[in-house]
């Protein structure tokens, strides 16, 4: 009887450890994906691909003429 209880406890611990490991890997993957996204957004902010007129008026606060 006590052997069955001990085996059940070991199975529960291994299931919990497996679940914890899966959660940790999922969270690390999400953080990595979000980090890559924000790095891409910052790159796009530093190197805008816009027309000369837009860049002159909105970024440099000048007009073409």
PDB file of N, CA and C in Angstrom:
ATOM      1  N   UNK A   1       0.822  -1.196   0.000  1.00  0.00           N
ATOM      2  CA  UNK A   1       0.000   0.000   0.000  1.00  0.00           C
ATOM      3  C   UNK A   1       0.866   1.261   0.000  1.00  0.00           C
ATOM      4  N   UNK A   2       1.867   1.314   0.859  1.00  0.00           N
ATOM      5  CA  UNK A   2       2.704   2.509   0.915  1.00  0.00           C
ATOM      6  C   UNK A   2       3.540   2.654  -0.346  1.00  0.00           C
ATOM      7  N   UNK A   3       3.864   1.546  -0.994  1.00  0.00           N
ATOM      8  CA  UNK A   3       4.618   1.605  -2.237  1.00  0.00           C
ATOM      9  C   UNK A   3       3.790   2.278  -3.320  1.00  0.00           C
ATOM     10  N   UNK A   4       2.495   1.986  -3.362  1.00  0.00           N
ATOM     11  CA  UNK A   4       1.615   2.611  -4.348  1.00  0.00           C
ATOM     12  C   UNK A   4       1.523   4.118  -4.129  1.00  0.00           C
ATOM     13  N   UNK A   5       1.443   4.532  -2.889  1.00  0.00           N
ATOM     14  CA  UNK A   5       1.360   5.963  -2.579  1.00  0.00           C
ATOM     15  C   UNK A   5       2.660   6.656  -2.985  1.00  0.00           C
ATOM     16  N   UNK A   6       3.785   6.015  -2.715  1.00  0.00           N
ATOM     17  CA  UNK A   6       5.084   6.595  -3.073  1.00  0.00           C
ATOM     18  C   UNK A   6       5.226   6.686  -4.589  1.00  0.00           C
ATOM     19  N   UNK A   7       4.795   5.653  -5.303  1.00  0.00           N
ATOM     20  CA  UNK A   7       4.861   5.683  -6.765  1.00  0.00           C
ATOM     21  C   UNK A   7       3.967   6.768  -7.344  1.00  0.00           C
ATOM     22  N   UNK A   8       2.783   6.947  -6.754  1.00  0.00           N
ATOM     23  CA  UNK A   8       1.878   8.005  -7.207  1.00  0.00           C
ATOM     24  C   UNK A   8       2.497   9.382  -6.976  1.00  0.00           C
ATOM     25  N   UNK A   9       3.172   9.553  -5.847  1.00  0.00           N
ATOM     26  CA  UNK A   9       3.812  10.830  -5.542  1.00  0.00           C
ATOM     27  C   UNK A   9       4.943  11.104  -6.527  1.00  0.00           C
ATOM     28  N   UNK A  10       5.711  10.071  -6.866  1.00  0.00           N
ATOM     29  CA  UNK A  10       6.805  10.238  -7.825  1.00  0.00           C
ATOM     30  C   UNK A  10       6.256  10.600  -9.196  1.00  0.00           C
ATOM     31  N   UNK A  11       5.168   9.960  -9.609  1.00  0.00           N
ATOM     32  CA  UNK A  11       4.555  10.275 -10.899  1.00  0.00           C
ATOM     33  C   UNK A  11       4.040  11.702 -10.918  1.00  0.00           C
ATOM     34  N   UNK A  12       3.438  12.146  -9.817  1.00  0.00           N
ATOM     35  CA  UNK A  12       2.925  13.514  -9.740  1.00  0.00           C
ATOM     36  C   UNK A  12       4.069  14.520  -9.818  1.00  0.00           C
ATOM     37  N   UNK A  13       5.178  14.220  -9.129  1.00  0.00           N
ATOM     38  CA  UNK A  13       6.337  15.119  -9.169  1.00  0.00           C
ATOM     39  C   UNK A  13       6.933  15.196 -10.571  1.00  0.00           C
ATOM     40  N   UNK A  14       7.007  14.053 -11.263  1.00  0.00           N
ATOM     41  CA  UNK A  14       7.578  14.062 -12.603  1.00  0.00           C
ATOM     42  C   UNK A  14       6.667  14.788 -13.584  1.00  0.00           C
ATOM     43  N   UNK A  15       5.348  14.659 -13.411  1.00  0.00           N
ATOM     44  CA  UNK A  15       4.416  15.400 -14.265  1.00  0.00           C
ATOM     45  C   UNK A  15       4.528  16.894 -14.017  1.00  0.00           C
ATOM     46  N   UNK A  16       4.669  17.272 -12.754  1.00  0.00           N
ATOM     47  CA  UNK A  16       4.800  18.691 -12.421  1.00  0.00           C
ATOM     48  C   UNK A  16       6.120  19.243 -12.955  1.00  0.00           C
ATOM     49  N   UNK A  17       7.194  18.484 -12.867  1.00  0.00           N
ATOM     50  CA  UNK A  17       8.487  18.929 -13.375  1.00  0.00           C
ATOM     51  C   UNK A  17       8.438  19.075 -14.891  1.00  0.00           C
ATOM     52  N   UNK A  18       7.774  18.149 -15.561  1.00  0.00           N
ATOM     53  CA  UNK A  18       7.638  18.220 -17.012  1.00  0.00           C
ATOM     54  C   UNK A  18       6.821  19.439 -17.418  1.00  0.00           C
ATOM     55  N   UNK A  19       5.755  19.704 -16.675  1.00  0.00           N
ATOM     56  CA  UNK A  19       4.908  20.862 -16.960  1.00  0.00           C
ATOM     57  C   UNK A  19       5.676  22.160 -16.717  1.00  0.00           C
ATOM     58  N   UNK A  20       6.464  22.197 -15.642  1.00  0.00           N
ATOM     59  CA  UNK A  20       7.256  23.382 -15.328  1.00  0.00           C
ATOM     60  C   UNK A  20       8.311  23.637 -16.406  1.00  0.00           C
ATOM     61  N   UNK A  21       8.927  22.565 -16.894  1.00  0.00           N
ATOM     62  CA  UNK A  21       9.942  22.707 -17.926  1.00  0.00           C
ATOM     63  C   UNK A  21       9.327  23.210 -19.230  1.00  0.00           C
ATOM     64  N   UNK A  22       8.151  22.694 -19.577  1.00  0.00           N
ATOM     65  CA  UNK A  22       7.452  23.140 -20.780  1.00  0.00           C
ATOM     66  C   UNK A  22       7.070  24.612 -20.671  1.00  0.00           C
ATOM     67  N   UNK A  23       6.594  25.007 -19.499  1.00  0.00           N
ATOM     68  CA  UNK A  23       6.222  26.412 -19.279  1.00  0.00           C
ATOM     69  C   UNK A  23       7.443  27.313 -19.396  1.00  0.00           C
ATOM     70  N   UNK A  24       8.561  26.886 -18.835  1.00  0.00           N
ATOM     71  CA  UNK A  24       9.784  27.684 -18.892  1.00  0.00           C
ATOM     72  C   UNK A  24      10.255  27.853 -20.338  1.00  0.00           C
ATOM     73  N   UNK A  25      10.244  26.771 -21.110  1.00  0.00           N
ATOM     74  CA  UNK A  25      10.667  26.842 -22.513  1.00  0.00           C
ATOM     75  C   UNK A  25       9.734  27.746 -23.308  1.00  0.00           C
ATOM     76  N   UNK A  26       8.433  27.655 -23.043  1.00  0.00           N
ATOM     77  CA  UNK A  26       7.455  28.500 -23.732  1.00  0.00           C
ATOM     78  C   UNK A  26       7.692  29.975 -23.414  1.00  0.00           C
ATOM     79  N   UNK A  27       7.926  30.284 -22.151  1.00  0.00           N
ATOM     80  CA  UNK A  27       8.166  31.681 -21.762  1.00  0.00           C
ATOM     81  C   UNK A  27       9.459  32.216 -22.379  1.00  0.00           C
ATOM     82  N   UNK A  28      10.499  31.412 -22.407  1.00  0.00           N
ATOM     83  CA  UNK A  28      11.758  31.843 -23.021  1.00  0.00           C
ATOM     84  C   UNK A  28      11.565  32.089 -24.510  1.00  0.00           C
ATOM     85  N   UNK A  29      10.802  31.212 -25.169  1.00  0.00           N
ATOM     86  CA  UNK A  29      10.539  31.392 -26.603  1.00  0.00           C
ATOM     87  C   UNK A  29       9.747  32.676 -26.853  1.00  0.00           C
ATOM     88  N   UNK A  30       8.744  32.951 -26.030  1.00  0.00           N
ATOM     89  CA  UNK A  30       7.961  34.179 -26.191  1.00  0.00           C
ATOM     90  C   UNK A  30       8.813  35.427 -25.976  1.00  0.00           C
ATOM     91  N   UNK A  31       9.669  35.397 -24.977  1.00  0.00           N
ATOM     92  CA  UNK A  31      10.546  36.534 -24.720  1.00  0.00           C
ATOM     93  C   UNK A  31      11.504  36.740 -25.894  1.00  0.00           C
ATOM     94  N   UNK A  32      12.023  35.656 -26.452  1.00  0.00           N
ATOM     95  CA  UNK A  32      12.926  35.760 -27.597  1.00  0.00           C
ATOM     96  C   UNK A  32      12.205  36.338 -28.813  1.00  0.00           C
ATOM     97  N   UNK A  33      10.986  35.895 -29.065  1.00  0.00           N
ATOM     98  CA  UNK A  33      10.204  36.402 -30.199  1.00  0.00           C
ATOM     99  C   UNK A  33       9.899  37.878 -30.015  1.00  0.00           C
ATOM    100  N   UNK A  34       9.475  38.272 -28.819  1.00  0.00           N
ATOM    101  CA  UNK A  34       9.193  39.686 -28.567  1.00  0.00           C
ATOM    102  C   UNK A  34      10.455  40.543 -28.677  1.00  0.00           C
ATOM    103  N   UNK A  35      11.575  40.033 -28.215  1.00  0.00           N
ATOM    104  CA  UNK A  35      12.830  40.776 -28.326  1.00  0.00           C
ATOM    105  C   UNK A  35      13.210  41.000 -29.791  1.00  0.00           C
ATOM    106  N   UNK A  36      13.069  39.955 -30.592  1.00  0.00           N
ATOM    107  CA  UNK A  36      13.364  40.097 -32.025  1.00  0.00           C
ATOM    108  C   UNK A  36      12.424  41.109 -32.678  1.00  0.00           C
ATOM    109  N   UNK A  37      11.155  41.078 -32.311  1.00  0.00           N
ATOM    110  CA  UNK A  37      10.192  42.023 -32.875  1.00  0.00           C
ATOM    111  C   UNK A  37      10.566  43.462 -32.515  1.00  0.00           C
ATOM    112  N   UNK A  38      10.891  43.702 -31.248  1.00  0.00           N
ATOM    113  CA  UNK A  38      11.219  45.065 -30.839  1.00  0.00           C
ATOM    114  C   UNK A  38      12.540  45.530 -31.450  1.00  0.00           C
ATOM    115  N   UNK A  39      13.494  44.637 -31.629  1.00  0.00           N
ATOM    116  CA  UNK A  39      14.722  45.020 -32.330  1.00  0.00           C
ATOM    117  C   UNK A  39      14.438  45.399 -33.769  1.00  0.00           C
ATOM    118  N   UNK A  40      13.534  44.680 -34.425  1.00  0.00           N
ATOM    119  CA  UNK A  40      13.139  45.008 -35.802  1.00  0.00           C
ATOM    120  C   UNK A  40      12.448  46.366 -35.853  1.00  0.00           C
ATOM    121  N   UNK A  41      11.565  46.642 -34.890  1.00  0.00           N
ATOM    122  CA  UNK A  41      10.874  47.937 -34.844  1.00  0.00           C
ATOM    123  C   UNK A  41      11.877  49.065 -34.632  1.00  0.00           C
ATOM    124  N   UNK A  42      12.838  48.862 -33.736  1.00  0.00           N
ATOM    125  CA  UNK A  42      13.853  49.896 -33.520  1.00  0.00           C
ATOM    126  C   UNK A  42      14.712  50.105 -34.758  1.00  0.00           C
ATOM    127  N   UNK A  43      15.037  49.044 -35.469  1.00  0.00           N
ATOM    128  CA  UNK A  43      15.795  49.178 -36.713  1.00  0.00           C
ATOM    129  C   UNK A  43      15.008  49.984 -37.734  1.00  0.00           C
ATOM    130  N   UNK A  44      13.712  49.687 -37.858  1.00  0.00           N
ATOM    131  CA  UNK A  44      12.872  50.433 -38.803  1.00  0.00           C
ATOM    132  C   UNK A  44      12.752  51.897 -38.399  1.00  0.00           C
ATOM    133  N   UNK A  45      12.748  52.188 -37.109  1.00  0.00           N
ATOM    134  CA  UNK A  45      12.665  53.576 -36.648  1.00  0.00           C
ATOM    135  C   UNK A  45      13.948  54.338 -36.963  1.00  0.00           C
ATOM    136  N   UNK A  46      15.084  53.662 -36.897  1.00  0.00           N
ATOM    137  CA  UNK A  46      16.366  54.320 -37.154  1.00  0.00           C
ATOM    138  C   UNK A  46      16.582  54.513 -38.649  1.00  0.00           C
ATOM    139  N   UNK A  47      16.128  53.583 -39.456  1.00  0.00           N
ATOM    140  CA  UNK A  47      16.327  53.663 -40.903  1.00  0.00           C
ATOM    141  C   UNK A  47      14.976  53.715 -41.616  1.00  0.00           C
ATOM    142  N   UNK A  48      14.299  54.873 -41.577  1.00  0.00           N
ATOM    143  CA  UNK A  48      12.991  54.955 -42.227  1.00  0.00           C
ATOM    144  C   UNK A  48      13.121  54.911 -43.751  1.00  0.00           C
ATOM    145  N   UNK A  49      12.248  54.172 -44.387  1.00  0.00           N
ATOM    146  CA  UNK A  49      12.235  54.062 -45.845  1.00  0.00           C
ATOM    147  C   UNK A  49      11.061  54.899 -46.365  1.00  0.00           C
ATOM    148  N   UNK A  50      11.273  56.218 -46.372  1.00  0.00           N
ATOM    149  CA  UNK A  50      10.210  57.143 -46.771  1.00  0.00           C
ATOM    150  C   UNK A  50      10.737  58.058 -47.872  1.00  0.00           C
ATOM    151  N   UNK A  51       9.825  58.795 -48.466  1.00  0.00           N
ATOM    152  CA  UNK A  51      10.217  59.696 -49.544  1.00  0.00           C
ATOM    153  C   UNK A  51      11.004  60.888 -48.988  1.00  0.00           C
ATOM    154  N   UNK A  52      11.675  61.586 -49.902  1.00  0.00           N
ATOM    155  CA  UNK A  52      12.467  62.754 -49.516  1.00  0.00           C
ATOM    156  C   UNK A  52      11.568  63.854 -48.949  1.00  0.00           C
ATOM    157  N   UNK A  53      10.387  64.032 -49.537  1.00  0.00           N
ATOM    158  CA  UNK A  53       9.472  65.066 -49.059  1.00  0.00           C
ATOM    159  C   UNK A  53       9.000  64.768 -47.639  1.00  0.00           C
ATOM    160  N   UNK A  54       8.655  63.525 -47.360  1.00  0.00           N
ATOM    161  CA  UNK A  54       8.218  63.147 -46.016  1.00  0.00           C
ATOM    162  C   UNK A  54       9.352  63.345 -45.019  1.00  0.00           C
ATOM    163  N   UNK A  55      10.544  62.892 -45.399  1.00  0.00           N
ATOM    164  CA  UNK A  55      11.689  63.013 -44.509  1.00  0.00           C
ATOM    165  C   UNK A  55      12.004  64.484 -44.218  1.00  0.00           C
ATOM    166  N   UNK A  56      11.933  65.314 -45.242  1.00  0.00           N
ATOM    167  CA  UNK A  56      12.249  66.730 -45.053  1.00  0.00           C
ATOM    168  C   UNK A  56      11.219  67.417 -44.170  1.00  0.00           C
ATOM    169  N   UNK A  57       9.951  67.131 -44.370  1.00  0.00           N
ATOM    170  CA  UNK A  57       8.909  67.842 -43.637  1.00  0.00           C
ATOM    171  C   UNK A  57       8.699  67.291 -42.230  1.00  0.00           C
ATOM    172  N   UNK A  58       8.570  65.984 -42.094  1.00  0.00           N
ATOM    173  CA  UNK A  58       8.211  65.404 -40.797  1.00  0.00           C
ATOM    174  C   UNK A  58       9.411  65.056 -39.926  1.00  0.00           C
ATOM    175  N   UNK A  59      10.531  64.711 -40.506  1.00  0.00           N
ATOM    176  CA  UNK A  59      11.675  64.314 -39.706  1.00  0.00           C
ATOM    177  C   UNK A  59      12.615  65.490 -39.458  1.00  0.00           C
ATOM    178  N   UNK A  60      12.925  66.274 -40.491  1.00  0.00           N
ATOM    179  CA  UNK A  60      13.843  67.408 -40.355  1.00  0.00           C
ATOM    180  C   UNK A  60      13.129  68.730 -40.129  1.00  0.00           C
ATOM    181  N   UNK A  61      11.801  68.722 -40.189  1.00  0.00           N
ATOM    182  CA  UNK A  61      10.983  69.929 -39.993  1.00  0.00           C
ATOM    183  C   UNK A  61      11.363  71.038 -40.965  1.00  0.00           C
ATOM    184  N   UNK A  62      11.599  70.680 -42.209  1.00  0.00           N
ATOM    185  CA  UNK A  62      11.932  71.630 -43.252  1.00  0.00           C
ATOM    186  C   UNK A  62      11.000  71.388 -44.433  1.00  0.00           C
ATOM    187  N   UNK A  63      10.994  72.342 -45.343  1.00  0.00           N
ATOM    188  CA  UNK A  63      10.279  72.137 -46.599  1.00  0.00           C
ATOM    189  C   UNK A  63      11.311  71.936 -47.717  1.00  0.00           C
ATOM    190  N   UNK A  64      10.865  71.432 -48.831  1.00  0.00           N
ATOM    191  CA  UNK A  64      11.788  71.197 -49.929  1.00  0.00           C
ATOM    192  C   UNK A  64      12.275  72.497 -50.555  1.00  0.00           C
ATOM    193  N   UNK A  65      11.490  73.540 -50.409  1.00  0.00           N
ATOM    194  CA  UNK A  65      11.846  74.802 -51.056  1.00  0.00           C
ATOM    195  C   UNK A  65      12.327  75.827 -50.057  1.00  0.00           C
TER     196      UNK A  65
END
